[in-house]
Amino acid sequence: MAKPTTVKIRLNSTGDTGFFYVAKKNSRTMTEKFKLKKYDPKLRKHVEFTEGKIK
């Protein structure tokens, strides 16, 4: 079987709240770490989320 092109990643909040999003990433075209600014409901503001592994 071929390796799938999209993988699930976990976007961890940099606000140290423990909140995370689950997203898909194309591992062939986006080889670097994924960073996004998204809403953290525990802090009630937008913070940067960084890529981590799903355990």
Protein backbone atom coordinates (compact mmCIF):
# COMPACT_ATOMS: atom_id res chain seq x y z
CA MET A 1 0.00 0.00 0.00
CA ALA A 2 1.08 3.54 -0.69
CA LYS A 3 1.64 6.05 2.09
CA PRO A 4 -1.30 8.49 2.37
CA THR A 5 -0.60 12.06 1.28
CA THR A 6 -2.59 13.67 4.09
CA VAL A 7 -1.90 13.04 7.75
CA LYS A 8 -3.78 14.16 10.84
CA ILE A 9 -1.93 16.61 13.07
CA ARG A 10 -2.68 18.15 16.42
CA LEU A 11 -2.52 21.95 16.69
CA ASN A 12 -1.48 22.77 20.27
CA SER A 13 -2.17 26.18 21.79
CA THR A 14 0.87 28.27 22.73
CA GLY A 15 -1.21 29.86 25.50
CA ASP A 16 -0.55 26.81 27.77
CA THR A 17 -4.24 26.04 28.21
CA GLY A 18 -4.12 22.47 26.89
CA PHE A 19 -6.63 23.29 24.16
CA PHE A 20 -5.98 21.80 20.71
CA TYR A 21 -7.46 21.45 17.24
CA VAL A 22 -7.15 18.44 14.94
CA ALA A 23 -6.36 19.22 11.29
CA LYS A 24 -5.16 17.49 8.14
CA LYS A 25 -1.90 18.37 6.42
CA ASN A 26 -0.47 17.35 3.07
CA SER A 27 2.90 15.95 4.15
CA ARG A 28 4.38 16.03 0.64
CA THR A 29 3.86 19.73 -0.08
CA MET A 30 4.12 21.13 3.47
CA THR A 31 7.25 19.62 4.98
CA GLU A 32 7.88 22.28 7.65
CA LYS A 33 6.09 22.63 11.00
CA PHE A 34 2.58 24.01 10.69
CA LYS A 35 1.72 27.27 12.56
CA LEU A 36 -1.66 28.99 12.57
CA LYS A 37 -3.39 31.75 14.49
CA LYS A 38 -6.71 30.43 15.75
CA TYR A 39 -9.18 31.12 18.53
CA ASP A 40 -8.53 29.63 21.98
CA PRO A 41 -11.86 29.53 23.88
CA LYS A 42 -10.18 29.07 27.27
CA LEU A 43 -8.22 32.32 26.86
CA ARG A 44 -11.04 33.90 24.82
CA LYS A 45 -8.64 35.35 22.24
CA HIS A 46 -6.62 34.40 19.16
CA VAL A 47 -3.24 32.78 19.80
CA GLU A 48 -0.73 30.87 17.70
CA PHE A 49 -1.14 27.11 17.42
CA THR A 50 1.81 24.87 16.53
CA GLU A 51 1.90 21.38 15.09
CA GLY A 52 2.29 18.34 17.31
CA LYS A 53 1.81 14.61 17.01
CA ILE A 54 -1.44 12.80 17.74
CA LYS A 55 -0.77 10.15 20.38
